[in-house]
Amino acid sequence: MQEFLSEEQGRRLLRLARGTIADKLAGPTSPIENEKAENQDPALLARCGTFVTLKIGGQLRGCIGNLEAVSSIYEGIQRNALNAAFHDSRFTKLTAKELEQVHIDISILTRPQPLTYRDGEDLVARLRPGIDGVILGLGHYSATFLPQVWEQLPRADDFLGHLCRKAGLSPTAWKDSHPEVAIYQVQCFEEGK
């Protein structure tokens, strides 16, 4: 993916995500520091899909995002930071004490592109581990894994099997049922890097 945000812009978005969560934990909503400066950066007003991932001790603590460009990067990071902290159904709401331990990572997504493939073997050959995020869908079932998930599941068959399970499908549906597949890439920023 061509990187279009600078490291400084990424650091500002990470501060925005943390500040948004901290403000919510502090009580009634108050304006986030530097909000006007963030809003005036034209790059952060671009419409892109975004994800916010929270981890504690290397373990997932929340991850919410949107695949499509439904809002500006700035608005998407704010909304998804709150949703990852307080509305990820896999976890209880984040506490102020946990926020001190949370490591935040944000992803800015390219527009998903359909991936044409013949069969399971061809699908595996077309995926680029560590580069492609994958959206898999079959009927009413669908799920996605960000490219960062390749770090935990480096073998394409494992990656696709877990993605099928996440979608509520058989772990072999990726090779048995020819699901629809789309791929995207991300520009990722992590705290401490």
Protein backbone atom coordinates (compact mmCIF):
# COMPACT_ATOMS: atom_id res chain seq x y z
CA MET A 1 0.00 0.00 0.00
CA GLN A 2 1.26 3.47 -0.80
CA GLU A 3 1.59 5.24 2.50
CA PHE A 4 -0.23 8.53 2.39
CA LEU A 5 -0.12 9.51 6.06
CA SER A 6 3.10 10.59 7.73
CA GLU A 7 4.45 9.11 10.96
CA GLU A 8 3.50 12.37 12.71
CA GLN A 9 -0.08 12.12 11.44
CA GLY A 10 -0.15 8.51 12.66
CA ARG A 11 1.08 9.58 16.10
CA ARG A 12 -1.65 12.25 16.23
CA LEU A 13 -4.28 9.63 15.37
CA LEU A 14 -2.97 7.35 18.12
CA ARG A 15 -3.19 10.26 20.60
CA LEU A 16 -6.70 10.96 19.33
CA ALA A 17 -7.77 7.33 19.90
CA ARG A 18 -6.34 7.26 23.43
CA GLY A 19 -7.71 10.72 24.25
CA THR A 20 -11.18 9.79 23.00
CA ILE A 21 -11.28 6.71 25.26
CA ALA A 22 -9.82 8.63 28.23
CA ASP A 23 -12.39 11.42 27.82
CA LYS A 24 -15.24 8.90 27.79
CA LEU A 25 -13.88 7.23 30.94
CA ALA A 26 -13.51 10.64 32.64
CA GLY A 27 -17.21 11.39 32.41
CA PRO A 28 -19.35 13.75 30.36
CA THR A 29 -17.95 14.36 26.93
CA SER A 30 -15.50 17.21 26.78
CA PRO A 31 -13.76 18.54 23.67
CA ILE A 32 -10.69 16.52 22.84
CA GLU A 33 -7.46 18.47 23.05
CA ASN A 34 -6.11 19.54 19.64
CA GLU A 35 -9.44 18.65 17.98
CA LYS A 36 -9.37 21.81 15.84
CA ALA A 37 -5.79 21.15 14.73
CA GLU A 38 -6.69 17.56 13.78
CA ASN A 39 -9.77 18.67 11.87
CA GLN A 40 -7.76 21.16 9.83
CA ASP A 41 -5.39 18.50 8.45
CA PRO A 42 -6.81 17.70 4.99
CA ALA A 43 -5.21 14.23 4.97
CA LEU A 44 -7.18 13.27 8.10
CA LEU A 45 -10.41 14.42 6.46
CA ALA A 46 -10.00 11.85 3.65
CA ARG A 47 -12.69 9.16 3.69
CA CYS A 48 -11.21 5.72 4.42
CA GLY A 49 -12.11 2.58 6.28
CA THR A 50 -10.44 2.46 9.69
CA PHE A 51 -9.90 -0.05 12.50
CA VAL A 52 -8.81 0.48 16.10
CA THR A 53 -7.27 -2.49 17.93
CA LEU A 54 -6.66 -2.60 21.69
CA LYS A 55 -4.32 -5.11 23.30
CA ILE A 56 -3.19 -5.76 26.86
CA GLY A 57 -0.05 -7.84 27.32
CA GLY A 58 -0.13 -8.79 23.64
CA GLN A 59 -3.67 -10.20 23.96
CA LEU A 60 -6.62 -8.76 22.06
CA ARG A 61 -8.83 -6.52 24.26
CA GLY A 62 -11.03 -5.01 21.55
CA CYS A 63 -11.05 -4.45 17.81
CA ILE A 64 -13.72 -2.60 15.87
CA GLY A 65 -13.68 -0.86 12.54
CA ASN A 66 -15.34 -0.24 9.25
CA LEU A 67 -14.22 -1.67 5.92
CA GLU A 68 -15.82 1.01 3.80
CA ALA A 69 -15.15 4.74 3.75
CA VAL A 70 -18.18 5.85 5.77
CA SER A 71 -16.51 8.90 7.33
CA SER A 72 -13.26 10.81 7.54
CA ILE A 73 -10.21 9.11 9.00
CA TYR A 74 -10.44 11.47 11.97
CA GLU A 75 -14.10 10.62 12.71
CA GLY A 76 -13.56 6.91 12.06
CA ILE A 77 -10.70 6.70 14.57
CA GLN A 78 -12.78 8.46 17.24
CA ARG A 79 -15.85 6.26 16.68
CA ASN A 80 -13.91 2.99 16.40
CA ALA A 81 -11.77 3.77 19.46
CA LEU A 82 -14.95 4.12 21.53
CA ASN A 83 -16.50 1.02 19.97
CA ALA A 84 -13.35 -1.09 20.51
CA ALA A 85 -13.15 0.03 24.15
CA PHE A 86 -16.82 -0.15 25.09
CA HIS A 87 -18.85 -2.05 22.47
CA ASP A 88 -16.84 -5.08 21.30
CA SER A 89 -19.26 -7.87 22.27
CA ARG A 90 -16.37 -10.27 22.95
CA PHE A 91 -15.20 -8.20 25.93
CA THR A 92 -16.47 -6.25 28.93
CA LYS A 93 -16.22 -2.47 28.78
CA LEU A 94 -12.69 -1.15 29.22
CA THR A 95 -11.92 0.34 32.64
CA ALA A 96 -9.75 3.33 33.50
CA LYS A 97 -7.22 1.00 35.15
CA GLU A 98 -7.02 -1.11 31.97
CA LEU A 99 -6.50 1.97 29.82
CA GLU A 100 -3.12 2.44 31.51
CA GLN A 101 -2.08 -1.00 30.21
CA VAL A 102 -3.67 -0.82 26.75
CA HIS A 103 -1.54 -0.77 23.62
CA ILE A 104 -3.39 0.87 20.71
CA ASP A 105 -2.91 0.17 17.03
CA ILE A 106 -4.84 1.81 14.23
CA SER A 107 -5.25 0.76 10.62
CA ILE A 108 -6.18 2.93 7.65
CA LEU A 109 -7.61 0.74 4.88
CA THR A 110 -7.55 0.84 1.11
CA ARG A 111 -10.85 0.18 -0.63
CA PRO A 112 -11.54 -3.59 -0.69
CA GLN A 113 -11.14 -5.23 -4.11
CA PRO A 114 -12.84 -8.49 -5.15
CA LEU A 115 -10.39 -11.36 -5.60
CA THR A 116 -11.15 -13.76 -8.44
CA TYR A 117 -9.88 -17.31 -7.93
CA ARG A 118 -10.54 -20.79 -9.35
CA ASP A 119 -10.40 -23.01 -6.26
CA GLY A 120 -8.94 -23.22 -2.76
CA GLU A 121 -5.43 -23.87 -4.04
CA ASP A 122 -5.60 -20.83 -6.33
CA LEU A 123 -6.98 -18.70 -3.48
CA VAL A 124 -4.02 -19.61 -1.26
CA ALA A 125 -1.61 -18.80 -4.10
CA ARG A 126 -3.16 -15.36 -4.69
CA LEU A 127 -3.09 -14.17 -1.06
CA ARG A 128 -0.06 -12.19 0.14
CA PRO A 129 0.59 -13.03 3.81
CA GLY A 130 1.33 -9.97 5.90
CA ILE A 131 0.12 -7.64 3.14
CA ASP A 132 -3.51 -8.52 2.38
CA GLY A 133 -6.42 -8.13 4.72
CA VAL A 134 -9.15 -10.56 3.71
CA ILE A 135 -12.92 -10.30 3.69
CA LEU A 136 -14.65 -13.65 3.24
CA GLY A 137 -18.39 -13.97 2.64
CA LEU A 138 -20.83 -16.77 1.92
CA GLY A 139 -24.56 -16.02 1.95
CA HIS A 140 -25.36 -14.02 5.08
CA TYR A 141 -22.06 -14.95 6.74
CA SER A 142 -18.96 -12.80 6.51
CA ALA A 143 -15.87 -11.82 8.44
CA THR A 144 -12.55 -10.07 7.97
CA PHE A 145 -9.02 -10.36 9.26
CA LEU A 146 -6.65 -7.40 9.10
CA PRO A 147 -3.21 -8.08 7.55
CA GLN A 148 -1.74 -8.04 11.08
CA VAL A 149 -3.49 -11.36 11.81
CA TRP A 150 -0.98 -13.08 9.50
CA GLU A 151 1.53 -12.64 12.38
CA GLN A 152 -0.47 -15.14 14.47
CA LEU A 153 -1.61 -17.29 11.54
CA PRO A 154 1.18 -17.26 8.92
CA ARG A 155 -0.05 -20.29 6.95
CA ALA A 156 -2.79 -19.35 4.48
CA ASP A 157 -4.87 -22.47 5.16
CA ASP A 158 -4.88 -21.74 8.93
CA PHE A 159 -5.61 -18.06 8.30
CA LEU A 160 -8.57 -18.91 6.04
CA GLY A 161 -9.84 -21.65 8.36
CA HIS A 162 -9.92 -19.28 11.34
CA LEU A 163 -11.53 -16.59 9.20
CA CYS A 164 -14.27 -19.04 8.18
CA ARG A 165 -14.87 -19.90 11.85
CA LYS A 166 -15.07 -16.19 12.69
CA ALA A 167 -17.75 -15.85 9.99
CA GLY A 168 -19.73 -18.74 11.49
CA LEU A 169 -18.83 -21.16 8.70
CA SER A 170 -17.11 -24.53 8.56
CA PRO A 171 -13.32 -24.10 8.79
CA THR A 172 -13.01 -25.70 5.34
CA ALA A 173 -15.64 -23.50 3.65
CA TRP A 174 -12.85 -21.50 2.00
CA LYS A 175 -11.94 -24.52 -0.14
CA ASP A 176 -15.26 -26.43 -0.18
CA SER A 177 -17.81 -23.69 -0.87
CA HIS A 178 -16.03 -21.06 -3.01
CA PRO A 179 -16.95 -18.01 -0.88
CA GLU A 180 -16.68 -14.45 -2.14
CA VAL A 181 -13.29 -12.97 -1.20
CA ALA A 182 -12.08 -9.39 -1.26
CA ILE A 183 -8.69 -8.07 -0.21
CA TYR A 184 -7.40 -4.74 1.07
CA GLN A 185 -4.19 -3.34 2.49
CA VAL A 186 -3.58 -1.09 5.50
CA GLN A 187 -1.30 1.60 6.72
CA CYS A 188 -0.80 0.72 10.36
CA PHE A 189 0.36 2.85 13.28
CA GLU A 190 1.15 1.41 16.72
CA GLU A 191 1.90 3.03 20.02
CA GLY A 192 5.55 2.68 20.99
CA LYS A 193 6.79 2.23 17.41
